Amino acid sequence: MAAFFNRAKGPLEKTKVLAAFKADWVPNSPYLGETWIKGGTIRLQRLTAGKEEGGGLHAADGFYNYRGTKGNKINYEMAPMAELLVERGQIPGDSPHTLTGLDFALHDPRDRFSMLGLRMCGGCIIIDRKNWEPVCFVSADEKGKDNYPLKKVSSNPDTWEVTLEGISNPIHESGFNPIVDPAVFCMMNNLRANNVAVMDVSDSDPRNWKRQTYLRDKEWVGEYPSPFHIGFSVDGTKCFFTVLRPKPMRSDIFVADTSSWKIIKKFRNVGVDLQTLAVSPCGKFVFAIFSGFQRLESGLFAFRQDTLEPLGYMPNFGGHHDCVLVPKNRHELKFSRVCQV
C-alpha cells in the first residue's frame, strides 16, 4: 500500500490522507514459481476510509481497515534482494502469489508526478498528484515494453489494471536526476538482470516516457554483485550506486557519468551491506551507510561529490538501514530521498 498525506500546520492540526492506494497481483499461472515470470495483471485500487464497523472504527476518524496484520500477504519483510525467495516459497504468508512489492513512493522533482515502485512487477505506476489519478506503468524490464497503459475497470472503488506478458526480473531502488535538463529516471534491475534502466522523462506526458539506455558493468552477473541504492550529485553530472555483494563480502560504490552512462570510479570493499546514499545539498559530500542485515560492522563512509576523493569513515554501532540528510527548504528536497530512493 502507499498513501500521501498533507502536513499539519500547527500543534492542534493532524495530518490527513490525501490519497491512498493498494496494489495486487493477479498471476496467469497457479504455480508460485511461475507467479511473476509467466505474467499477469496489476490491479491498483483507491482506498477509502471505511464505514462504521465493530471495534469503534468510524469513517469520521479517518481510519482504514488495515490495522494489525490484516491485509498482509507475507509474514515478514521482503528484505532487499529477497524477491526470488518469495517466488521459491521461502517467505511464507497468507497470499504471496498476489504480492506486488509496492515498496516506495518517490517524486518527480518537477513537482507533479509520483512513482509507486512495484518490486515484484519490475516497474512503477505513475500518479498524477493534481487529480490523484494513475497515469501509466513504466517498466525497467528489457524483455517488456517501456510503457504500459492503465485501464479503469471499476468506480466503486476506483480500480485500474495493467496486464504484463511476463516479468523477467524485479526492480529495487530508483531515482530522478535533480537536474531536469536532460531529465532522466533510473530503475535498478536485480537478480536475473543486474543493470540500471535509464529512462528519458523529458516529455510532459509520462505516457511518452521511454527507456533510453542501460547502465551495465561486466561485474554485474548472476544474482550478485548487484546495483542497489542510488544518488545523484547536486550538479547532476554523476550518479552514485551502492553495489551489494553477498555476505560476508563487503560492498562497493560505483560512480557513473550521466552524459555517457559509463562507470568512471569504483570504491572497493567499503563496508558490509552498503545501503542508502545521502548527498549533501552544498554539492560537496556523499554519505553511504553500511551494516544492513549482517551487523558485522557499522558506520558511514564519506567521499567528495566533485573530486570523488574518499574522506573516511564515521563508525557507529547497532546496525543501519537508511541515511537521510533532512532538507532545509523545498529546493533541497530534490537532492533528498524524496526524489532518490
C-alpha atoms as a PDB file:
ATOM      1  CA  MET A   1       0.000   0.000   0.000  1.00  0.00           C
ATOM      2  CA  ALA A   2       1.011   3.636  -0.476  1.00  0.00           C
ATOM      3  CA  ALA A   3      -0.502   6.800   0.942  1.00  0.00           C
ATOM      4  CA  PHE A   4       0.012  10.540   0.554  1.00  0.00           C
ATOM      5  CA  PHE A   5      -0.557  12.967   3.432  1.00  0.00           C
ATOM      6  CA  ASN A   6      -0.836  16.690   3.967  1.00  0.00           C
ATOM      7  CA  ARG A   7       1.353  18.405   6.563  1.00  0.00           C
ATOM      8  CA  ALA A   8      -0.064  19.635   9.852  1.00  0.00           C
ATOM      9  CA  LYS A   9       0.102  23.428  10.061  1.00  0.00           C
ATOM     10  CA  GLY A  10       0.259  23.590  13.830  1.00  0.00           C
ATOM     11  CA  PRO A  11       0.251  21.513  17.034  1.00  0.00           C
ATOM     12  CA  LEU A  12      -3.550  21.293  17.050  1.00  0.00           C
ATOM     13  CA  GLU A  13      -3.887  20.049  13.486  1.00  0.00           C
ATOM     14  CA  LYS A  14      -3.491  16.405  12.444  1.00  0.00           C
ATOM     15  CA  THR A  15      -2.228  15.157   9.123  1.00  0.00           C
ATOM     16  CA  LYS A  16      -4.851  13.785   6.738  1.00  0.00           C
ATOM     17  CA  VAL A  17      -4.719  11.214   3.974  1.00  0.00           C
ATOM     18  CA  LEU A  18      -4.887  12.925   0.579  1.00  0.00           C
ATOM     19  CA  ALA A  19      -4.904   9.659  -1.382  1.00  0.00           C
ATOM     20  CA  ALA A  20      -4.167   6.012  -0.662  1.00  0.00           C
ATOM     21  CA  PHE A  21      -3.768   3.002  -2.948  1.00  0.00           C
ATOM     22  CA  LYS A  22      -3.162  -0.728  -2.728  1.00  0.00           C
ATOM     23  CA  ALA A  23      -1.768  -2.908  -5.470  1.00  0.00           C
ATOM     24  CA  ASP A  24      -2.449  -6.613  -6.018  1.00  0.00           C
ATOM     25  CA  TRP A  25      -1.040  -9.096  -8.496  1.00  0.00           C
ATOM     26  CA  VAL A  26      -3.333 -11.463 -10.402  1.00  0.00           C
ATOM     27  CA  PRO A  27      -0.998 -14.112 -11.875  1.00  0.00           C
ATOM     28  CA  ASN A  28      -1.561 -16.118 -15.031  1.00  0.00           C
ATOM     29  CA  SER A  29      -0.014 -19.260 -13.552  1.00  0.00           C
ATOM     30  CA  PRO A  30      -1.350 -21.140 -10.487  1.00  0.00           C
ATOM     31  CA  TYR A  31       2.207 -22.172  -9.525  1.00  0.00           C
ATOM     32  CA  LEU A  32       4.148 -19.925  -7.144  1.00  0.00           C
ATOM     33  CA  GLY A  33       7.415 -20.477  -9.003  1.00  0.00           C
ATOM     34  CA  GLU A  34       5.823 -19.044 -12.164  1.00  0.00           C
ATOM     35  CA  THR A  35       3.721 -16.364 -10.480  1.00  0.00           C
ATOM     36  CA  TRP A  36       5.571 -13.357 -11.894  1.00  0.00           C
ATOM     37  CA  ILE A  37       7.724 -14.706 -14.709  1.00  0.00           C
ATOM     38  CA  LYS A  38       4.638 -16.028 -16.554  1.00  0.00           C
ATOM     39  CA  GLY A  39       2.896 -12.647 -16.377  1.00  0.00           C
ATOM     40  CA  GLY A  40      -0.425 -11.441 -15.076  1.00  0.00           C
ATOM     41  CA  THR A  41      -2.298  -8.278 -14.129  1.00  0.00           C
ATOM     42  CA  ILE A  42      -1.539  -5.473 -11.685  1.00  0.00           C
ATOM     43  CA  ARG A  43      -4.730  -4.278 -10.002  1.00  0.00           C
ATOM     44  CA  LEU A  44      -4.462  -0.826  -8.386  1.00  0.00           C
ATOM     45  CA  GLN A  45      -7.303   0.194  -6.091  1.00  0.00           C
ATOM     46  CA  ARG A  46      -8.017   3.502  -4.395  1.00  0.00           C
ATOM     47  CA  LEU A  47      -8.522   3.095  -0.645  1.00  0.00           C
ATOM     48  CA  THR A  48     -11.172   5.000   1.293  1.00  0.00           C
ATOM     49  CA  ALA A  49     -11.925   5.266   4.981  1.00  0.00           C
ATOM     50  CA  GLY A  50     -14.363   2.524   5.935  1.00  0.00           C
ATOM     51  CA  LYS A  51     -17.922   2.828   7.140  1.00  0.00           C
ATOM     52  CA  GLU A  52     -18.743   2.386  10.807  1.00  0.00           C
ATOM     53  CA  GLU A  53     -17.900  -1.117  11.955  1.00  0.00           C
ATOM     54  CA  GLY A  54     -17.094  -3.121  15.053  1.00  0.00           C
ATOM     55  CA  GLY A  55     -14.201  -2.085  17.231  1.00  0.00           C
ATOM     56  CA  GLY A  56     -15.076   1.589  17.283  1.00  0.00           C
ATOM     57  CA  LEU A  57     -13.532   2.482  13.914  1.00  0.00           C
ATOM     58  CA  HIS A  58     -15.547   5.228  12.254  1.00  0.00           C
ATOM     59  CA  ALA A  59     -15.147   6.878   8.874  1.00  0.00           C
ATOM     60  CA  ALA A  60     -15.108  10.249  10.618  1.00  0.00           C
ATOM     61  CA  ASP A  61     -11.926   9.150  12.419  1.00  0.00           C
ATOM     62  CA  GLY A  62     -10.168   8.633   9.079  1.00  0.00           C
ATOM     63  CA  PHE A  63      -9.273   5.001   9.775  1.00  0.00           C
ATOM     64  CA  TYR A  64      -8.663   2.434   7.080  1.00  0.00           C
ATOM     65  CA  ASN A  65      -9.469  -1.213   7.613  1.00  0.00           C
ATOM     66  CA  TYR A  66      -5.871  -2.493   7.568  1.00  0.00           C
ATOM     67  CA  ARG A  67      -4.760  -2.356  11.204  1.00  0.00           C
ATOM     68  CA  GLY A  68      -2.509  -5.006  12.674  1.00  0.00           C
ATOM     69  CA  THR A  69      -1.618  -7.808  10.298  1.00  0.00           C
ATOM     70  CA  LYS A  70      -4.849  -7.618   8.318  1.00  0.00           C
ATOM     71  CA  GLY A  71      -4.056  -7.390   4.632  1.00  0.00           C
ATOM     72  CA  ASN A  72      -0.528  -8.804   4.960  1.00  0.00           C
ATOM     73  CA  LYS A  73       0.484 -11.104   2.107  1.00  0.00           C
ATOM     74  CA  ILE A  74       3.784 -12.348   3.522  1.00  0.00           C
ATOM     75  CA  ASN A  75       4.679 -12.904   7.162  1.00  0.00           C
ATOM     76  CA  TYR A  76       7.759 -10.714   7.372  1.00  0.00           C
ATOM     77  CA  GLU A  77       9.628  -8.086   5.423  1.00  0.00           C
ATOM     78  CA  MET A  78      10.819  -8.905   1.938  1.00  0.00           C
ATOM     79  CA  ALA A  79      14.399  -7.826   2.514  1.00  0.00           C
ATOM     80  CA  PRO A  80      16.422  -6.332  -0.364  1.00  0.00           C
ATOM     81  CA  MET A  81      17.369  -8.984  -2.890  1.00  0.00           C
ATOM     82  CA  ALA A  82      14.802 -11.348  -1.357  1.00  0.00           C
ATOM     83  CA  GLU A  83      12.289 -11.188  -4.202  1.00  0.00           C
ATOM     84  CA  LEU A  84      13.255 -14.602  -5.529  1.00  0.00           C
ATOM     85  CA  LEU A  85      12.802 -16.049  -2.036  1.00  0.00           C
ATOM     86  CA  VAL A  86       9.095 -15.238  -2.356  1.00  0.00           C
ATOM     87  CA  GLU A  87       8.999 -16.958  -5.724  1.00  0.00           C
ATOM     88  CA  ARG A  88      10.722 -20.012  -4.215  1.00  0.00           C
ATOM     89  CA  GLY A  89       8.270 -20.215  -1.317  1.00  0.00           C
ATOM     90  CA  GLN A  90      10.879 -19.262   1.298  1.00  0.00           C
ATOM     91  CA  ILE A  91       8.915 -16.272   2.655  1.00  0.00           C
ATOM     92  CA  PRO A  92       5.599 -17.712   3.859  1.00  0.00           C
ATOM     93  CA  GLY A  93       2.333 -15.862   4.223  1.00  0.00           C
ATOM     94  CA  ASP A  94      -1.381 -15.903   3.507  1.00  0.00           C
ATOM     95  CA  SER A  95      -1.167 -14.643  -0.067  1.00  0.00           C
ATOM     96  CA  PRO A  96       2.355 -14.445  -1.527  1.00  0.00           C
ATOM     97  CA  HIS A  97       1.065 -15.036  -5.079  1.00  0.00           C
ATOM     98  CA  THR A  98      -0.758 -11.671  -5.002  1.00  0.00           C
ATOM     99  CA  LEU A  99       2.355  -9.729  -3.937  1.00  0.00           C
ATOM    100  CA  THR A 100       3.407  -6.708  -5.998  1.00  0.00           C
ATOM    101  CA  GLY A 101       6.020  -5.474  -3.544  1.00  0.00           C
ATOM    102  CA  LEU A 102       4.735  -1.887  -3.545  1.00  0.00           C
ATOM    103  CA  ASP A 103       7.832  -0.689  -1.727  1.00  0.00           C
ATOM    104  CA  PHE A 104       8.259   3.049  -2.208  1.00  0.00           C
ATOM    105  CA  ALA A 105       6.758   6.305  -3.403  1.00  0.00           C
ATOM    106  CA  LEU A 106       9.059   8.994  -4.725  1.00  0.00           C
ATOM    107  CA  HIS A 107       8.507  12.253  -6.502  1.00  0.00           C
ATOM    108  CA  ASP A 108       9.424  13.870  -9.788  1.00  0.00           C
ATOM    109  CA  PRO A 109      11.480  16.999  -8.888  1.00  0.00           C
ATOM    110  CA  ARG A 110       9.276  18.987 -11.290  1.00  0.00           C
ATOM    111  CA  ASP A 111       6.577  18.571  -8.613  1.00  0.00           C
ATOM    112  CA  ARG A 112       3.621  16.951 -10.317  1.00  0.00           C
ATOM    113  CA  PHE A 113       4.077  13.183 -10.656  1.00  0.00           C
ATOM    114  CA  SER A 114       4.928  10.484  -8.130  1.00  0.00           C
ATOM    115  CA  MET A 115       6.190   6.954  -8.720  1.00  0.00           C
ATOM    116  CA  LEU A 116       4.859   3.891  -6.913  1.00  0.00           C
ATOM    117  CA  GLY A 117       7.594   1.251  -7.151  1.00  0.00           C
ATOM    118  CA  LEU A 118       6.381  -2.350  -7.520  1.00  0.00           C
ATOM    119  CA  ARG A 119       9.442  -4.506  -6.906  1.00  0.00           C
ATOM    120  CA  MET A 120       7.972  -7.861  -7.941  1.00  0.00           C
ATOM    121  CA  CYS A 121       6.445  -6.334 -11.087  1.00  0.00           C
ATOM    122  CA  GLY A 122       9.620  -4.716 -12.406  1.00  0.00           C
ATOM    123  CA  GLY A 123       8.427  -1.126 -12.671  1.00  0.00           C
ATOM    124  CA  CYS A 124       6.486   1.855 -11.354  1.00  0.00           C
ATOM    125  CA  ILE A 125       2.929   3.163 -11.549  1.00  0.00           C
ATOM    126  CA  ILE A 126       2.882   6.921 -12.087  1.00  0.00           C
ATOM    127  CA  ILE A 127       0.414   9.000 -10.056  1.00  0.00           C
ATOM    128  CA  ASP A 128      -0.681  12.494 -11.104  1.00  0.00           C
ATOM    129  CA  ARG A 129      -0.909  14.489  -7.863  1.00  0.00           C
ATOM    130  CA  LYS A 130      -3.102  17.151  -9.490  1.00  0.00           C
ATOM    131  CA  ASN A 131      -6.054  14.752  -9.567  1.00  0.00           C
ATOM    132  CA  TRP A 132      -4.693  11.679  -7.694  1.00  0.00           C
ATOM    133  CA  GLU A 133      -5.210   9.512 -10.759  1.00  0.00           C
ATOM    134  CA  PRO A 134      -2.767   6.862 -12.011  1.00  0.00           C
ATOM    135  CA  VAL A 135      -1.367   7.654 -15.451  1.00  0.00           C
ATOM    136  CA  CYS A 136       0.591   4.630 -16.714  1.00  0.00           C
ATOM    137  CA  PHE A 137       3.069   1.909 -15.764  1.00  0.00           C
ATOM    138  CA  VAL A 138       6.743   2.271 -16.741  1.00  0.00           C
ATOM    139  CA  SER A 139       8.913  -0.845 -16.846  1.00  0.00           C
ATOM    140  CA  ALA A 140      12.651  -1.477 -16.446  1.00  0.00           C
ATOM    141  CA  ASP A 141      12.352  -4.947 -17.990  1.00  0.00           C
ATOM    142  CA  GLU A 142      14.339  -5.279 -21.229  1.00  0.00           C
ATOM    143  CA  LYS A 143      12.037  -8.078 -22.375  1.00  0.00           C
ATOM    144  CA  GLY A 144       8.923  -5.939 -21.944  1.00  0.00           C
ATOM    145  CA  LYS A 145       7.643  -2.643 -23.261  1.00  0.00           C
ATOM    146  CA  ASP A 146       8.856   0.689 -21.883  1.00  0.00           C
ATOM    147  CA  ASN A 147       5.414   1.991 -21.061  1.00  0.00           C
ATOM    148  CA  TYR A 148       2.024   0.360 -20.464  1.00  0.00           C
ATOM    149  CA  PRO A 149      -1.426   1.986 -20.392  1.00  0.00           C
ATOM    150  CA  LEU A 150      -3.747   1.597 -17.401  1.00  0.00           C
ATOM    151  CA  LYS A 151      -7.392   0.686 -17.847  1.00  0.00           C
ATOM    152  CA  LYS A 152     -10.027   1.765 -15.339  1.00  0.00           C
ATOM    153  CA  VAL A 153     -12.223  -1.261 -14.633  1.00  0.00           C
ATOM    154  CA  SER A 154     -14.329  -0.039 -11.709  1.00  0.00           C
ATOM    155  CA  SER A 155     -15.530   3.116  -9.982  1.00  0.00           C
ATOM    156  CA  ASN A 156     -16.724   1.578  -6.727  1.00  0.00           C
ATOM    157  CA  PRO A 157     -13.995   1.523  -5.580  1.00  0.00           C
ATOM    158  CA  ASP A 158     -11.821   3.166  -8.227  1.00  0.00           C
ATOM    159  CA  THR A 159      -9.773   0.346  -9.725  1.00  0.00           C
ATOM    160  CA  TRP A 160      -7.270   0.272 -12.574  1.00  0.00           C
ATOM    161  CA  GLU A 161      -5.482  -2.641 -14.243  1.00  0.00           C
ATOM    162  CA  VAL A 162      -2.418  -3.192 -16.396  1.00  0.00           C
ATOM    163  CA  THR A 163      -1.501  -6.544 -17.931  1.00  0.00           C
ATOM    164  CA  LEU A 164       2.130  -7.672 -18.278  1.00  0.00           C
ATOM    165  CA  GLU A 165       3.112 -10.536 -20.566  1.00  0.00           C
ATOM    166  CA  GLY A 166       5.846 -11.607 -18.168  1.00  0.00           C
ATOM    167  CA  ILE A 167       8.291 -10.152 -15.640  1.00  0.00           C
ATOM    168  CA  SER A 168      11.900 -11.131 -16.248  1.00  0.00           C
ATOM    169  CA  ASN A 169      13.304  -9.695 -13.016  1.00  0.00           C
ATOM    170  CA  PRO A 170      12.358  -7.468 -10.096  1.00  0.00           C
ATOM    171  CA  ILE A 171      13.411  -3.860  -9.568  1.00  0.00           C
ATOM    172  CA  HIS A 172      14.587  -2.250  -6.375  1.00  0.00           C
ATOM    173  CA  GLU A 173      15.676   1.344  -5.815  1.00  0.00           C
ATOM    174  CA  SER A 174      15.069   4.202  -8.257  1.00  0.00           C
ATOM    175  CA  GLY A 175      15.671   7.916  -8.601  1.00  0.00           C
ATOM    176  CA  PHE A 176      15.368  11.125 -10.620  1.00  0.00           C
ATOM    177  CA  ASN A 177      18.317  13.227 -11.658  1.00  0.00           C
ATOM    178  CA  PRO A 178      17.778  16.542  -9.810  1.00  0.00           C
ATOM    179  CA  ILE A 179      18.907  18.438 -12.916  1.00  0.00           C
ATOM    180  CA  VAL A 180      15.881  18.195 -15.170  1.00  0.00           C
ATOM    181  CA  ASP A 181      17.640  19.050 -18.437  1.00  0.00           C
ATOM    182  CA  PRO A 182      18.090  16.369 -19.592  1.00  0.00           C
ATOM    183  CA  ALA A 183      15.514  14.733 -17.355  1.00  0.00           C
ATOM    184  CA  VAL A 184      16.215  11.079 -16.530  1.00  0.00           C
ATOM    185  CA  PHE A 185      14.803   8.488 -14.163  1.00  0.00           C
ATOM    186  CA  CYS A 186      16.728   5.338 -13.196  1.00  0.00           C
ATOM    187  CA  MET A 187      15.422   1.963 -12.013  1.00  0.00           C
ATOM    188  CA  MET A 188      17.568  -0.918 -10.738  1.00  0.00           C
ATOM    189  CA  ASN A 189      17.098  -4.304 -12.372  1.00  0.00           C
ATOM    190  CA  ASN A 190      18.154  -7.006  -9.935  1.00  0.00           C
ATOM    191  CA  LEU A 191      18.795 -10.746  -9.516  1.00  0.00           C
ATOM    192  CA  ARG A 192      18.170 -12.005 -13.043  1.00  0.00           C
ATOM    193  CA  ALA A 193      19.381  -8.953 -14.973  1.00  0.00           C
ATOM    194  CA  ASN A 194      21.706  -6.752 -12.963  1.00  0.00           C
ATOM    195  CA  ASN A 195      21.748  -3.383 -14.682  1.00  0.00           C
ATOM    196  CA  VAL A 196      20.193   0.075 -14.428  1.00  0.00           C
ATOM    197  CA  ALA A 197      17.410   1.141 -16.778  1.00  0.00           C
ATOM    198  CA  VAL A 198      17.768   4.835 -17.688  1.00  0.00           C
ATOM    199  CA  MET A 199      14.526   6.466 -18.826  1.00  0.00           C
ATOM    200  CA  ASP A 200      14.089   9.695 -20.768  1.00  0.00           C
ATOM    201  CA  VAL A 201      11.364  11.504 -18.791  1.00  0.00           C
ATOM    202  CA  SER A 202      11.627  14.891 -20.507  1.00  0.00           C
ATOM    203  CA  ASP A 203       8.142  14.715 -22.079  1.00  0.00           C
ATOM    204  CA  SER A 204       5.405  16.431 -20.074  1.00  0.00           C
ATOM    205  CA  ASP A 205       3.168  13.368 -20.574  1.00  0.00           C
ATOM    206  CA  PRO A 206       4.507  10.289 -18.676  1.00  0.00           C
ATOM    207  CA  ARG A 207       2.825   8.039 -21.224  1.00  0.00           C
ATOM    208  CA  ASN A 208       5.637   9.106 -23.570  1.00  0.00           C
ATOM    209  CA  TRP A 209       8.482   8.291 -21.196  1.00  0.00           C
ATOM    210  CA  LYS A 210      10.879   5.768 -22.757  1.00  0.00           C
ATOM    211  CA  ARG A 211      13.993   3.825 -21.780  1.00  0.00           C
ATOM    212  CA  GLN A 212      16.992   5.475 -23.451  1.00  0.00           C
ATOM    213  CA  THR A 213      19.806   3.141 -22.356  1.00  0.00           C
ATOM    214  CA  TYR A 214      21.046   0.701 -19.725  1.00  0.00           C
ATOM    215  CA  LEU A 215      23.985   1.161 -17.396  1.00  0.00           C
ATOM    216  CA  ARG A 216      25.938  -2.096 -17.232  1.00  0.00           C
ATOM    217  CA  ASP A 217      29.164  -3.408 -15.806  1.00  0.00           C
ATOM    218  CA  LYS A 218      30.930  -6.678 -16.581  1.00  0.00           C
ATOM    219  CA  GLU A 219      30.970  -7.487 -12.848  1.00  0.00           C
ATOM    220  CA  TRP A 220      27.176  -7.430 -12.586  1.00  0.00           C
ATOM    221  CA  VAL A 221      26.380 -11.030 -13.479  1.00  0.00           C
ATOM    222  CA  GLY A 222      24.175 -13.607 -11.779  1.00  0.00           C
ATOM    223  CA  GLU A 223      22.347 -12.609  -8.625  1.00  0.00           C
ATOM    224  CA  TYR A 224      25.364 -10.707  -7.231  1.00  0.00           C
ATOM    225  CA  PRO A 225      27.032  -8.251  -7.259  1.00  0.00           C
ATOM    226  CA  SER A 226      24.081  -6.002  -7.939  1.00  0.00           C
ATOM    227  CA  PRO A 227      23.419  -2.235  -8.198  1.00  0.00           C
ATOM    228  CA  PHE A 228      21.400  -1.390  -5.128  1.00  0.00           C
ATOM    229  CA  HIS A 229      20.868   2.195  -3.878  1.00  0.00           C
ATOM    230  CA  ILE A 230      21.154   5.355  -5.964  1.00  0.00           C
ATOM    231  CA  GLY A 231      22.042   9.022  -5.571  1.00  0.00           C
ATOM    232  CA  PHE A 232      22.896  11.866  -7.935  1.00  0.00           C
ATOM    233  CA  SER A 233      25.403  14.670  -7.494  1.00  0.00           C
ATOM    234  CA  VAL A 234      23.825  18.070  -6.952  1.00  0.00           C
ATOM    235  CA  ASP A 235      25.023  19.255 -10.358  1.00  0.00           C
ATOM    236  CA  GLY A 236      23.530  16.149 -11.995  1.00  0.00           C
ATOM    237  CA  THR A 237      26.764  15.108 -13.731  1.00  0.00           C
ATOM    238  CA  LYS A 238      27.347  11.970 -11.666  1.00  0.00           C
ATOM    239  CA  CYS A 239      25.232   9.071 -10.480  1.00  0.00           C
ATOM    240  CA  PHE A 240      26.295   7.035  -7.444  1.00  0.00           C
ATOM    241  CA  PHE A 241      25.379   3.404  -6.803  1.00  0.00           C
ATOM    242  CA  THR A 242      25.976   1.146  -3.868  1.00  0.00           C
ATOM    243  CA  VAL A 243      26.766  -2.315  -5.257  1.00  0.00           C
ATOM    244  CA  LEU A 244      25.620  -5.115  -2.972  1.00  0.00           C
ATOM    245  CA  ARG A 245      27.679  -8.268  -2.566  1.00  0.00           C
ATOM    246  CA  PRO A 246      26.612 -11.442  -0.746  1.00  0.00           C
ATOM    247  CA  LYS A 247      27.601 -11.946   2.871  1.00  0.00           C
ATOM    248  CA  PRO A 248      30.149 -11.838   4.323  1.00  0.00           C
ATOM    249  CA  MET A 249      31.687  -9.783   1.490  1.00  0.00           C
ATOM    250  CA  ARG A 250      31.928  -6.003   1.697  1.00  0.00           C
ATOM    251  CA  SER A 251      30.022  -3.949  -0.839  1.00  0.00           C
ATOM    252  CA  ASP A 252      31.249  -1.277  -3.275  1.00  0.00           C
ATOM    253  CA  ILE A 253      30.265   2.158  -4.572  1.00  0.00           C
ATOM    254  CA  PHE A 254      30.297   2.731  -8.343  1.00  0.00           C
ATOM    255  CA  VAL A 255      30.123   6.184  -9.938  1.00  0.00           C
ATOM    256  CA  ALA A 256      28.707   6.770 -13.423  1.00  0.00           C
ATOM    257  CA  ASP A 257      28.956   9.772 -15.737  1.00  0.00           C
ATOM    258  CA  THR A 258      25.400  10.837 -16.617  1.00  0.00           C
ATOM    259  CA  SER A 259      26.301  12.112 -20.095  1.00  0.00           C
ATOM    260  CA  SER A 260      27.804   8.819 -21.303  1.00  0.00           C
ATOM    261  CA  TRP A 261      26.331   6.417 -18.691  1.00  0.00           C
ATOM    262  CA  LYS A 262      29.745   4.802 -18.234  1.00  0.00           C
ATOM    263  CA  ILE A 263      31.321   3.801 -14.912  1.00  0.00           C
ATOM    264  CA  ILE A 264      34.106   6.269 -14.051  1.00  0.00           C
ATOM    265  CA  LYS A 265      35.039   5.295 -10.477  1.00  0.00           C
ATOM    266  CA  LYS A 266      34.828   2.300  -8.131  1.00  0.00           C
ATOM    267  CA  PHE A 267      35.252   2.403  -4.359  1.00  0.00           C
ATOM    268  CA  ARG A 268      36.098  -1.156  -3.318  1.00  0.00           C
ATOM    269  CA  ASN A 269      35.254  -3.059  -0.118  1.00  0.00           C
ATOM    270  CA  VAL A 270      33.632  -0.085   1.587  1.00  0.00           C
ATOM    271  CA  GLY A 271      31.530  -1.996   4.129  1.00  0.00           C
ATOM    272  CA  VAL A 272      29.061  -4.852   4.534  1.00  0.00           C
ATOM    273  CA  ASP A 273      25.573  -4.313   3.119  1.00  0.00           C
ATOM    274  CA  LEU A 274      26.097  -0.786   1.811  1.00  0.00           C
ATOM    275  CA  GLN A 275      22.715   0.866   1.510  1.00  0.00           C
ATOM    276  CA  THR A 276      21.435   4.425   1.255  1.00  0.00           C
ATOM    277  CA  LEU A 277      23.445   7.260  -0.292  1.00  0.00           C
ATOM    278  CA  ALA A 278      22.768  10.741   1.104  1.00  0.00           C
ATOM    279  CA  VAL A 279      24.031  13.670  -0.976  1.00  0.00           C
ATOM    280  CA  SER A 280      24.739  16.994   0.750  1.00  0.00           C
ATOM    281  CA  PRO A 281      22.873  19.912  -0.885  1.00  0.00           C
ATOM    282  CA  CYS A 282      26.045  22.029  -0.687  1.00  0.00           C
ATOM    283  CA  GLY A 283      27.422  19.884  -3.505  1.00  0.00           C
ATOM    284  CA  LYS A 284      30.472  18.675  -1.578  1.00  0.00           C
ATOM    285  CA  PHE A 285      29.840  15.330   0.095  1.00  0.00           C
ATOM    286  CA  VAL A 286      28.228  11.905  -0.294  1.00  0.00           C
ATOM    287  CA  PHE A 287      27.465   9.721   2.728  1.00  0.00           C
ATOM    288  CA  ALA A 288      26.921   5.962   2.442  1.00  0.00           C
ATOM    289  CA  ILE A 289      25.502   3.960   5.329  1.00  0.00           C
ATOM    290  CA  PHE A 290      26.577   0.365   5.922  1.00  0.00           C
ATOM    291  CA  SER A 291      25.884  -2.706   8.072  1.00  0.00           C
ATOM    292  CA  GLY A 292      22.413  -3.555   6.858  1.00  0.00           C
ATOM    293  CA  PHE A 293      21.436  -7.053   7.908  1.00  0.00           C
ATOM    294  CA  GLN A 294      24.708  -8.672   8.926  1.00  0.00           C
ATOM    295  CA  ARG A 295      25.751  -6.122  11.583  1.00  0.00           C
ATOM    296  CA  LEU A 296      29.344  -7.338  11.414  1.00  0.00           C
ATOM    297  CA  GLU A 297      30.449  -3.718  11.256  1.00  0.00           C
ATOM    298  CA  SER A 298      28.517  -0.497  11.163  1.00  0.00           C
ATOM    299  CA  GLY A 299      29.033   3.110  10.188  1.00  0.00           C
ATOM    300  CA  LEU A 300      29.084   5.705   7.456  1.00  0.00           C
ATOM    301  CA  PHE A 301      31.535   6.228   4.584  1.00  0.00           C
ATOM    302  CA  ALA A 302      32.068   9.723   3.132  1.00  0.00           C
ATOM    303  CA  PHE A 303      33.585  10.938  -0.138  1.00  0.00           C
ATOM    304  CA  ARG A 304      33.569  14.103  -2.287  1.00  0.00           C
ATOM    305  CA  GLN A 305      30.927  14.639  -4.958  1.00  0.00           C
ATOM    306  CA  ASP A 306      33.222  16.682  -7.214  1.00  0.00           C
ATOM    307  CA  THR A 307      36.682  15.098  -6.997  1.00  0.00           C
ATOM    308  CA  LEU A 308      35.491  11.642  -5.851  1.00  0.00           C
ATOM    309  CA  GLU A 309      38.132  11.749  -3.134  1.00  0.00           C
ATOM    310  CA  PRO A 310      37.473   9.293  -0.268  1.00  0.00           C
ATOM    311  CA  LEU A 311      37.341  11.150   3.040  1.00  0.00           C
ATOM    312  CA  GLY A 312      36.931   8.385   5.610  1.00  0.00           C
ATOM    313  CA  TYR A 313      34.563   6.663   7.996  1.00  0.00           C
ATOM    314  CA  MET A 314      32.256   7.646  10.837  1.00  0.00           C
ATOM    315  CA  PRO A 315      31.951   4.398  12.852  1.00  0.00           C
ATOM    316  CA  ASN A 316      28.798   3.599  14.764  1.00  0.00           C
ATOM    317  CA  PHE A 317      27.206   0.578  16.370  1.00  0.00           C
ATOM    318  CA  GLY A 318      23.901  -1.255  16.290  1.00  0.00           C
ATOM    319  CA  GLY A 319      23.278  -1.635  12.571  1.00  0.00           C
ATOM    320  CA  HIS A 320      21.841   0.760   9.992  1.00  0.00           C
ATOM    321  CA  HIS A 321      19.424   0.591   7.123  1.00  0.00           C
ATOM    322  CA  ASP A 322      18.825   4.160   5.918  1.00  0.00           C
ATOM    323  CA  CYS A 323      20.602   7.500   5.976  1.00  0.00           C
ATOM    324  CA  VAL A 324      18.884  10.851   5.355  1.00  0.00           C
ATOM    325  CA  LEU A 325      20.040  14.447   5.282  1.00  0.00           C
ATOM    326  CA  VAL A 326      16.961  16.485   6.203  1.00  0.00           C
ATOM    327  CA  PRO A 327      16.237  19.193   3.593  1.00  0.00           C
ATOM    328  CA  LYS A 328      16.063  22.760   4.896  1.00  0.00           C
ATOM    329  CA  ASN A 329      13.766  24.001   2.103  1.00  0.00           C
ATOM    330  CA  ARG A 330      11.817  22.903  -0.980  1.00  0.00           C
ATOM    331  CA  HIS A 331      14.843  23.360  -3.245  1.00  0.00           C
ATOM    332  CA  GLU A 332      16.851  20.805  -1.270  1.00  0.00           C
ATOM    333  CA  LEU A 333      14.051  18.225  -1.468  1.00  0.00           C
ATOM    334  CA  LYS A 334      15.065  17.225  -4.996  1.00  0.00           C
ATOM    335  CA  PHE A 335      18.504  16.100  -3.760  1.00  0.00           C
ATOM    336  CA  SER A 336      16.994  14.019  -0.942  1.00  0.00           C
ATOM    337  CA  ARG A 337      15.321  10.615  -0.679  1.00  0.00           C
ATOM    338  CA  VAL A 338      12.069  12.325  -1.664  1.00  0.00           C
ATOM    339  CA  CYS A 339      13.254  12.022  -5.283  1.00  0.00           C
ATOM    340  CA  GLN A 340      16.018   9.399  -4.956  1.00  0.00           C
ATOM    341  CA  VAL A 341      15.364   6.163  -3.083  1.00  0.00           C
END
